[in-house]
N, C-alpha and C. Protein backbone atom coordinates (compact mmCIF):
# COMPACT_ATOMS: atom_id res chain seq x y z
N MET A 1 41.01 3.41 -11.82
CA MET A 1 39.72 2.74 -12.02
C MET A 1 40.26 1.46 -11.70
N CYS A 2 41.66 1.57 -11.28
CA CYS A 2 41.78 0.42 -10.15
C CYS A 2 41.12 -0.15 -8.91
N ILE A 3 40.76 0.46 -8.46
CA ILE A 3 40.40 0.81 -6.85
C ILE A 3 38.80 0.35 -7.05
N LYS A 4 38.51 0.89 -8.12
CA LYS A 4 36.58 0.55 -8.94
C LYS A 4 36.74 -1.22 -8.80
N ILE A 5 37.17 -1.59 -9.79
CA ILE A 5 37.65 -2.88 -10.09
C ILE A 5 37.86 -3.61 -9.00
N GLN A 6 38.30 -3.13 -7.88
CA GLN A 6 38.78 -4.06 -7.07
C GLN A 6 37.43 -3.66 -5.99
N LYS A 7 37.42 -3.35 -5.65
CA LYS A 7 36.00 -3.00 -4.64
C LYS A 7 35.01 -3.74 -5.23
N LEU A 8 34.61 -3.65 -6.67
CA LEU A 8 33.69 -4.45 -7.23
C LEU A 8 34.28 -5.79 -7.46
N LYS A 9 35.12 -6.29 -7.10
CA LYS A 9 35.84 -7.80 -6.86
C LYS A 9 35.03 -8.35 -5.51
N PHE A 10 35.35 -7.33 -4.64
CA PHE A 10 35.66 -7.37 -3.33
C PHE A 10 34.20 -7.48 -2.96
N HIS A 11 32.72 -7.07 -3.66
CA HIS A 11 31.72 -6.64 -3.22
C HIS A 11 31.08 -8.08 -4.14
N LEU A 12 31.92 -8.81 -5.47
CA LEU A 12 31.39 -9.99 -5.55
C LEU A 12 32.16 -10.85 -5.40
N PHE A 13 32.97 -11.10 -4.60
CA PHE A 13 33.24 -12.43 -3.38
C PHE A 13 32.80 -12.36 -2.09
N LEU A 14 31.90 -10.69 -1.51
CA LEU A 14 31.20 -10.93 -0.61
C LEU A 14 30.10 -11.81 -1.06
N TYR A 15 29.15 -11.03 -2.03
CA TYR A 15 28.23 -11.77 -2.22
C TYR A 15 28.09 -13.52 -3.16
N PHE A 16 28.75 -13.67 -3.15
CA PHE A 16 29.69 -15.80 -3.39
C PHE A 16 29.72 -15.83 -2.35
N LEU A 17 29.93 -15.25 -1.25
CA LEU A 17 30.83 -15.89 -0.21
C LEU A 17 29.24 -16.21 0.66
N SER A 18 28.37 -14.98 0.65
CA SER A 18 27.25 -15.31 1.55
C SER A 18 26.29 -16.58 0.75
N PHE A 19 26.21 -16.49 -0.39
CA PHE A 19 25.55 -17.81 -1.21
C PHE A 19 26.44 -18.92 -0.77
N LEU A 20 27.27 -18.82 -0.93
CA LEU A 20 28.10 -20.53 -0.21
C LEU A 20 28.43 -20.92 0.68
N VAL A 21 27.72 -19.89 2.13
CA VAL A 21 27.44 -19.92 3.70
C VAL A 21 26.20 -20.43 3.37
N PHE A 22 24.79 -19.64 2.75
CA PHE A 22 23.82 -19.89 2.77
C PHE A 22 23.47 -21.34 2.60
N TYR A 23 24.40 -21.95 0.97
CA TYR A 23 23.80 -23.50 0.44
C TYR A 23 24.76 -23.96 1.38
N ILE A 24 25.86 -23.77 2.10
CA ILE A 24 26.63 -24.98 3.12
C ILE A 24 25.61 -25.16 4.58
N SER A 25 25.08 -24.11 4.57
CA SER A 25 24.46 -24.29 6.36
C SER A 25 22.84 -24.88 5.36
N LEU A 26 21.97 -24.81 4.58
CA LEU A 26 21.06 -25.32 3.97
C LEU A 26 21.39 -26.99 3.85
N PHE A 27 22.43 -27.65 3.32
CA PHE A 27 22.86 -28.69 3.00
C PHE A 27 23.02 -29.55 3.99
N LEU A 28 23.76 -28.71 5.38
CA LEU A 28 23.66 -29.52 6.74
C LEU A 28 23.22 -29.57 7.47
N SER A 29 21.41 -28.31 6.85
CA SER A 29 20.18 -28.56 8.04
C SER A 29 19.54 -29.45 7.30
N LEU A 30 19.52 -29.76 5.98
CA LEU A 30 19.16 -30.54 5.60
C LEU A 30 19.35 -32.11 6.00
N SER A 31 20.47 -32.40 5.60
CA SER A 31 21.23 -33.54 6.10
C SER A 31 21.38 -33.65 7.20
N LEU A 32 21.47 -32.94 8.20
CA LEU A 32 21.32 -33.61 9.84
C LEU A 32 19.44 -33.41 9.67
N SER A 33 18.56 -33.24 9.44
CA SER A 33 17.42 -33.48 9.62
C SER A 33 16.93 -35.12 8.90
N TYR A 34 18.23 -35.29 7.55
CA TYR A 34 17.20 -36.44 7.24
C TYR A 34 17.67 -37.40 8.03
N THR A 35 18.78 -37.22 8.64
CA THR A 35 19.48 -38.32 9.24
C THR A 35 18.87 -38.66 10.30
N HIS A 36 17.88 -38.21 11.11
CA HIS A 36 17.07 -38.31 12.16
C HIS A 36 15.62 -38.73 11.78
N THR A 37 15.11 -38.50 11.00
CA THR A 37 13.74 -38.48 10.42
C THR A 37 13.88 -39.73 9.46
N HIS A 38 14.97 -39.96 8.86
CA HIS A 38 14.89 -40.70 7.56
C HIS A 38 13.61 -41.12 6.70
N LYS A 39 13.42 -38.86 6.22
CA LYS A 39 12.29 -39.10 5.21
C LYS A 39 13.31 -37.14 4.88
N PRO A 40 12.75 -37.32 3.42
CA PRO A 40 13.47 -36.42 2.96
C PRO A 40 12.89 -34.59 3.49
N PRO A 41 13.63 -34.01 4.35
CA PRO A 41 13.57 -32.83 4.62
C PRO A 41 12.45 -31.97 4.13
N LEU A 42 12.35 -31.91 2.74
CA LEU A 42 11.84 -30.88 2.44
C LEU A 42 11.33 -31.28 0.85
N PRO A 43 10.06 -30.73 0.00
CA PRO A 43 9.26 -31.28 -0.97
C PRO A 43 11.00 -30.90 -1.79
N CYS A 44 10.45 -31.68 -3.23
CA CYS A 44 11.98 -30.71 -3.88
C CYS A 44 11.16 -29.44 -4.30
N SER A 45 9.56 -28.75 -4.42
CA SER A 45 9.65 -27.90 -4.95
C SER A 45 9.68 -26.16 -3.86
N SER A 46 9.98 -27.10 -2.76
CA SER A 46 10.40 -26.24 -1.78
C SER A 46 11.46 -25.92 -1.68
N LEU A 47 13.16 -26.39 -2.39
CA LEU A 47 14.07 -26.33 -2.02
C LEU A 47 14.40 -24.86 -3.10
N PRO A 48 13.64 -24.39 -4.47
CA PRO A 48 14.02 -23.70 -4.92
C PRO A 48 13.10 -21.79 -4.59
N HIS A 49 11.97 -22.65 -3.59
CA HIS A 49 11.73 -21.47 -3.38
C HIS A 49 12.66 -21.06 -2.41
N LEU A 50 12.83 -21.73 -1.66
CA LEU A 50 13.80 -21.43 -0.13
C LEU A 50 15.25 -20.54 -1.09
N ILE A 51 15.61 -20.48 -2.21
CA ILE A 51 16.87 -20.13 -2.89
C ILE A 51 16.29 -18.49 -3.13
N ARG A 52 14.88 -18.99 -3.74
CA ARG A 52 14.57 -17.65 -4.37
C ARG A 52 13.95 -16.95 -3.39
N ARG A 53 13.34 -17.16 -2.27
CA ARG A 53 13.30 -16.39 -0.84
C ARG A 53 14.40 -15.98 -0.66
N TYR A 54 15.77 -16.92 -0.27
CA TYR A 54 17.07 -15.82 0.00
C TYR A 54 17.86 -14.66 -0.92
N ARG A 55 17.33 -15.19 -2.08
CA ARG A 55 18.38 -14.20 -3.02
C ARG A 55 17.46 -12.06 -3.04
N VAL A 56 16.43 -13.08 -2.46
CA VAL A 56 15.39 -11.46 -2.48
C VAL A 56 15.54 -11.12 -1.22
N SER A 57 15.65 -11.50 -0.17
CA SER A 57 15.32 -11.11 1.12
C SER A 57 16.58 -11.13 1.77
N HIS A 58 17.47 -12.30 1.25
CA HIS A 58 18.97 -12.42 2.59
C HIS A 58 18.50 -13.22 3.63
N HIS A 59 17.49 -13.94 3.85
CA HIS A 59 16.87 -14.81 4.55
C HIS A 59 16.19 -15.40 4.29
N THR A 60 15.40 -16.85 5.21
CA THR A 60 14.74 -17.93 4.63
C THR A 60 13.76 -17.38 5.30
N THR A 61 12.95 -16.86 6.68
CA THR A 61 12.29 -16.65 7.32
C THR A 61 11.15 -16.44 6.41
N ASN A 62 9.56 -16.58 6.64
CA ASN A 62 8.94 -15.81 5.84
C ASN A 62 8.14 -14.70 6.63
N GLN A 63 9.08 -13.47 6.50
CA GLN A 63 8.73 -12.16 6.90
C GLN A 63 8.84 -10.81 5.97
N THR A 64 8.25 -10.20 6.34
CA THR A 64 8.44 -8.87 5.22
C THR A 64 9.28 -7.75 5.19
N CYS A 65 9.52 -7.18 4.49
CA CYS A 65 10.43 -6.37 4.48
C CYS A 65 10.88 -5.62 5.94
N SER A 66 9.76 -4.98 6.35
CA SER A 66 10.12 -4.69 7.62
C SER A 66 10.87 -5.49 8.71
N GLY A 67 10.79 -6.88 8.92
CA GLY A 67 11.11 -7.75 9.75
C GLY A 67 9.70 -8.31 10.32
N HIS A 68 8.61 -8.25 10.49
CA HIS A 68 7.91 -8.22 11.32
C HIS A 68 7.17 -9.73 10.06
N PRO A 69 6.28 -11.07 11.16
CA PRO A 69 6.25 -12.11 10.45
C PRO A 69 4.96 -11.16 9.65
N PRO A 70 4.37 -11.52 8.74
CA PRO A 70 3.05 -11.30 7.74
C PRO A 70 2.06 -11.31 8.20
N LYS A 71 1.07 -10.60 8.83
CA LYS A 71 0.16 -11.15 9.11
C LYS A 71 -0.77 -12.12 8.84
N MET A 72 -1.17 -11.79 7.29
CA MET A 72 -2.00 -13.12 6.61
C MET A 72 -1.01 -14.12 5.95
N THR A 73 -1.06 -15.18 5.95
CA THR A 73 -0.44 -16.19 5.34
C THR A 73 -0.49 -16.65 4.02
N PRO A 74 0.14 -17.13 3.41
CA PRO A 74 -0.64 -17.90 2.23
C PRO A 74 -2.11 -18.16 1.79
N ARG A 75 -1.76 -19.05 2.98
CA ARG A 75 -3.44 -20.03 2.62
C ARG A 75 -4.19 -18.99 2.66
N THR A 76 -3.87 -17.99 3.90
CA THR A 76 -5.16 -16.78 4.29
C THR A 76 -5.51 -15.93 3.07
N VAL A 77 -4.21 -15.64 2.22
CA VAL A 77 -4.80 -14.73 1.10
C VAL A 77 -5.50 -15.46 -0.12
N CYS A 78 -5.22 -16.82 0.24
CA CYS A 78 -6.06 -17.41 -0.98
C CYS A 78 -7.67 -18.04 -0.38
N CYS A 79 -7.68 -17.79 0.81
CA CYS A 79 -9.18 -17.98 1.50
C CYS A 79 -9.77 -16.49 1.28
N LEU A 80 -9.45 -15.54 1.22
CA LEU A 80 -9.59 -14.28 1.24
C LEU A 80 -10.30 -14.09 -0.37
N HIS A 81 -9.05 -14.21 -1.09
CA HIS A 81 -9.22 -14.11 -2.82
C HIS A 81 -10.76 -14.81 -3.28
N LYS A 82 -10.71 -16.21 -2.96
CA LYS A 82 -11.98 -17.22 -2.84
C LYS A 82 -12.93 -16.64 -2.48
N LEU A 83 -12.96 -15.53 -1.37
CA LEU A 83 -14.32 -14.84 -0.83
C LEU A 83 -14.59 -13.93 -1.51
N ALA A 84 -13.62 -13.02 -1.98
CA ALA A 84 -13.93 -11.49 -2.79
C ALA A 84 -14.78 -12.36 -3.97
N LEU A 85 -13.79 -13.18 -4.65
CA LEU A 85 -14.64 -13.56 -5.65
C LEU A 85 -15.88 -14.24 -5.85
N LYS A 86 -16.07 -15.01 -4.37
CA LYS A 86 -17.43 -15.82 -4.39
C LYS A 86 -18.39 -14.51 -4.38
N ASN A 87 -18.10 -13.17 -3.61
CA ASN A 87 -19.28 -12.38 -3.29
C ASN A 87 -18.44 -11.25 -3.61
N ARG A 88 -18.57 -10.70 -4.97
CA ARG A 88 -17.85 -9.61 -5.24
C ARG A 88 -18.42 -8.39 -4.57
N TRP A 89 -20.05 -8.11 -3.97
CA TRP A 89 -20.04 -7.04 -3.69
C TRP A 89 -20.16 -7.13 -1.79
N ALA A 90 -19.27 -8.05 -1.28
CA ALA A 90 -19.00 -7.82 -0.01
C ALA A 90 -17.86 -6.41 0.04
N SER A 91 -18.06 -5.80 1.29
CA SER A 91 -17.75 -4.98 1.33
C SER A 91 -15.94 -4.84 2.42
N ALA A 92 -15.16 -4.28 2.16
CA ALA A 92 -13.38 -4.56 3.32
C ALA A 92 -13.84 -5.28 4.52
N SER A 93 -15.01 -4.60 5.07
CA SER A 93 -15.18 -4.84 6.36
C SER A 93 -15.66 -6.28 6.41
N ASP A 94 -17.05 -6.37 5.42
CA ASP A 94 -17.35 -8.16 5.78
C ASP A 94 -16.60 -8.69 5.53
N LEU A 95 -15.90 -8.49 4.84
CA LEU A 95 -14.52 -9.62 4.62
C LEU A 95 -13.67 -9.68 5.51
N ALA A 96 -13.28 -8.62 6.41
CA ALA A 96 -12.27 -9.04 7.41
C ALA A 96 -13.08 -10.16 8.72
N GLN A 97 -14.71 -9.72 8.56
CA GLN A 97 -15.42 -10.25 9.36
C GLN A 97 -15.42 -11.47 9.49
N VAL A 98 -15.77 -12.07 7.84
CA VAL A 98 -15.65 -13.40 6.99
C VAL A 98 -14.60 -14.51 7.66
N LEU A 99 -13.76 -13.40 7.47
CA LEU A 99 -12.15 -14.15 7.17
C LEU A 99 -12.02 -13.98 8.70
N SER A 100 -12.13 -13.48 9.76
CA SER A 100 -12.10 -13.77 10.95
C SER A 100 -12.73 -15.03 11.66
N VAL A 101 -14.01 -15.13 11.30
CA VAL A 101 -14.87 -16.02 11.58
C VAL A 101 -14.12 -17.97 11.08
N GLU A 102 -13.81 -17.51 9.52
CA GLU A 102 -13.66 -18.37 8.51
C GLU A 102 -12.20 -18.91 9.32
N SER A 103 -11.01 -18.07 9.07
CA SER A 103 -9.85 -18.49 9.66
C SER A 103 -9.01 -18.24 10.97
N ARG A 104 -10.02 -18.04 11.65
CA ARG A 104 -9.64 -17.39 12.88
C ARG A 104 -7.95 -16.58 13.41
N VAL A 105 -8.27 -15.33 12.47
CA VAL A 105 -7.12 -14.71 11.71
C VAL A 105 -8.12 -13.46 12.10
N SER A 106 -7.94 -12.36 12.69
CA SER A 106 -9.11 -11.06 13.03
C SER A 106 -7.18 -9.67 12.15
N VAL A 107 -8.20 -9.62 10.82
CA VAL A 107 -7.15 -8.90 10.10
C VAL A 107 -7.60 -6.98 9.97
N THR A 108 -7.47 -6.19 9.80
CA THR A 108 -8.45 -5.17 9.57
C THR A 108 -8.92 -5.10 8.06
N MET A 109 -9.60 -3.99 8.21
CA MET A 109 -10.43 -3.96 6.97
C MET A 109 -8.85 -2.93 5.85
N GLN A 110 -8.26 -2.82 6.33
CA GLN A 110 -7.12 -1.49 5.50
C GLN A 110 -6.61 -3.08 5.14
N THR A 111 -5.88 -4.20 6.14
CA THR A 111 -5.23 -4.89 5.92
C THR A 111 -6.29 -5.50 4.32
N VAL A 112 -6.95 -5.52 4.65
CA VAL A 112 -7.65 -7.04 3.40
C VAL A 112 -8.05 -5.81 2.06
N GLN A 113 -8.09 -4.42 1.80
CA GLN A 113 -7.68 -3.61 1.25
C GLN A 113 -6.73 -4.02 0.92
N ARG A 114 -5.25 -4.02 1.24
CA ARG A 114 -3.69 -4.17 0.71
C ARG A 114 -3.95 -5.11 0.04
N THR A 115 -4.48 -6.16 0.64
CA THR A 115 -4.27 -7.54 0.21
C THR A 115 -4.66 -7.93 -1.39
N LEU A 116 -6.25 -7.36 -1.53
CA LEU A 116 -6.87 -7.31 -2.11
C LEU A 116 -6.22 -6.40 -3.41
N HIS A 117 -5.72 -5.50 -2.95
CA HIS A 117 -5.18 -4.91 -4.18
C HIS A 117 -4.22 -5.43 -4.87
N ASN A 118 -2.76 -6.00 -3.80
CA ASN A 118 -1.86 -6.89 -4.39
C ASN A 118 -2.22 -7.68 -5.36
N ILE A 119 -3.44 -8.94 -4.87
CA ILE A 119 -4.03 -9.93 -6.03
C ILE A 119 -4.95 -9.40 -7.17
N ASP A 120 -5.00 -7.83 -7.07
CA ASP A 120 -5.38 -7.59 -8.44
C ASP A 120 -6.71 -7.57 -8.08
N LEU A 121 -7.53 -7.01 -7.40
CA LEU A 121 -8.91 -6.66 -6.82
C LEU A 121 -9.13 -5.46 -6.41
N TYR A 122 -9.74 -4.82 -6.94
CA TYR A 122 -9.71 -3.99 -6.78
C TYR A 122 -11.30 -3.49 -5.78
N GLY A 123 -11.83 -2.33 -5.20
CA GLY A 123 -12.93 -2.05 -4.59
C GLY A 123 -14.22 -2.17 -5.34
N TRP A 124 -14.97 -3.15 -4.62
CA TRP A 124 -16.24 -2.99 -5.72
C TRP A 124 -17.44 -1.84 -5.02
N HIS A 125 -16.99 -0.81 -4.05
CA HIS A 125 -17.82 0.14 -3.68
C HIS A 125 -19.01 0.80 -4.43
N ALA A 126 -18.02 1.40 -5.62
CA ALA A 126 -19.07 1.74 -6.52
C ALA A 126 -20.05 1.14 -7.32
N LYS A 127 -19.38 -0.10 -7.44
CA LYS A 127 -20.35 -0.83 -8.05
C LYS A 127 -21.40 -1.21 -7.35
N LEU A 128 -21.64 -1.40 -5.78
CA LEU A 128 -22.17 -1.87 -5.32
C LEU A 128 -23.40 -0.35 -4.86
N ASN A 129 -22.79 0.58 -4.82
CA ASN A 129 -23.45 1.87 -5.32
C ASN A 129 -24.62 2.02 -6.03
N PHE A 130 -23.76 1.55 -7.17
CA PHE A 130 -24.66 1.32 -8.82
C PHE A 130 -25.97 0.63 -8.78
N ALA A 131 -25.20 -0.64 -7.92
CA ALA A 131 -25.93 -1.63 -8.00
C ALA A 131 -27.75 -1.26 -7.06
N THR A 132 -26.75 -0.72 -5.44
CA THR A 132 -28.29 -0.60 -4.95
C THR A 132 -29.23 0.57 -5.26
N GLU A 133 -28.67 1.68 -6.11
CA GLU A 133 -29.61 2.45 -6.45
C GLU A 133 -30.28 2.08 -7.76
N HIS A 134 -30.15 1.53 -8.64
CA HIS A 134 -30.18 0.65 -10.05
C HIS A 134 -31.55 -0.31 -9.36
N GLU A 135 -31.60 -0.64 -8.67
CA GLU A 135 -32.36 -1.64 -7.82
C GLU A 135 -33.37 -1.01 -7.14
N GLN A 136 -33.02 0.29 -6.52
CA GLN A 136 -34.27 0.98 -5.79
C GLN A 136 -34.99 1.80 -6.81
N SER A 137 -34.43 2.14 -8.08
CA SER A 137 -35.09 3.12 -9.28
C SER A 137 -36.35 1.67 -10.07
N ILE A 138 -35.71 0.42 -9.90
CA ILE A 138 -36.30 -0.68 -10.56
C ILE A 138 -37.63 -0.79 -9.81
N LEU A 139 -37.51 -0.64 -8.50
CA LEU A 139 -38.70 -1.06 -7.34
C LEU A 139 -39.13 -0.50 -7.35
N GLY A 140 -39.19 1.15 -7.26
CA GLY A 140 -39.65 2.67 -7.09
C GLY A 140 -40.40 2.39 -8.62
N ALA A 141 -40.13 2.28 -9.99
CA ALA A 141 -40.46 2.24 -11.00
C ALA A 141 -41.96 1.35 -11.20
N GLN A 142 -41.08 0.42 -10.33
CA GLN A 142 -42.55 -0.93 -10.32
C GLN A 142 -43.70 -0.53 -9.52
N SER A 143 -43.22 -0.28 -8.42
CA SER A 143 -44.35 0.65 -7.28
C SER A 143 -45.29 1.10 -8.26
N LEU A 144 -44.22 2.04 -9.21
CA LEU A 144 -46.06 3.40 -9.80
C LEU A 144 -46.65 2.88 -10.55
N VAL A 145 -46.20 1.55 -11.55
CA VAL A 145 -46.77 0.80 -12.11
C VAL A 145 -48.07 0.54 -11.62
N ARG A 146 -47.85 -0.43 -10.89
CA ARG A 146 -48.84 -1.08 -10.30
C ARG A 146 -49.95 0.00 -9.87
């Protein structure tokens, strides 16, 4: 029992030490950049975001859990979200083409689908098929009436 408590104390100490090192390095980087620029180095809203990111991933860079930088920035994701809501019948490949033209970021259809799923927008392919079939049936019925 005592060994488990000692291990737990040791792990908590390491955890606390990593936070302490992070806060000291963050403070030093902020104070050094503040003396050179004479401006606040970060907006007030960015500091809690950096701390939250460090707690989740144990580093402050904007990287995924695999270590690769993300393909799409939050701004590009927002642009994709707006495009998808504006044109709900567009396919993922159409959205990828429009996104590559507008934001100069080449993404694949799979990346667009994954990103839309992450922000709770799901495929419109079934709705698109229903709409085109419905439109064709209405046009066919109108041509029979004339």
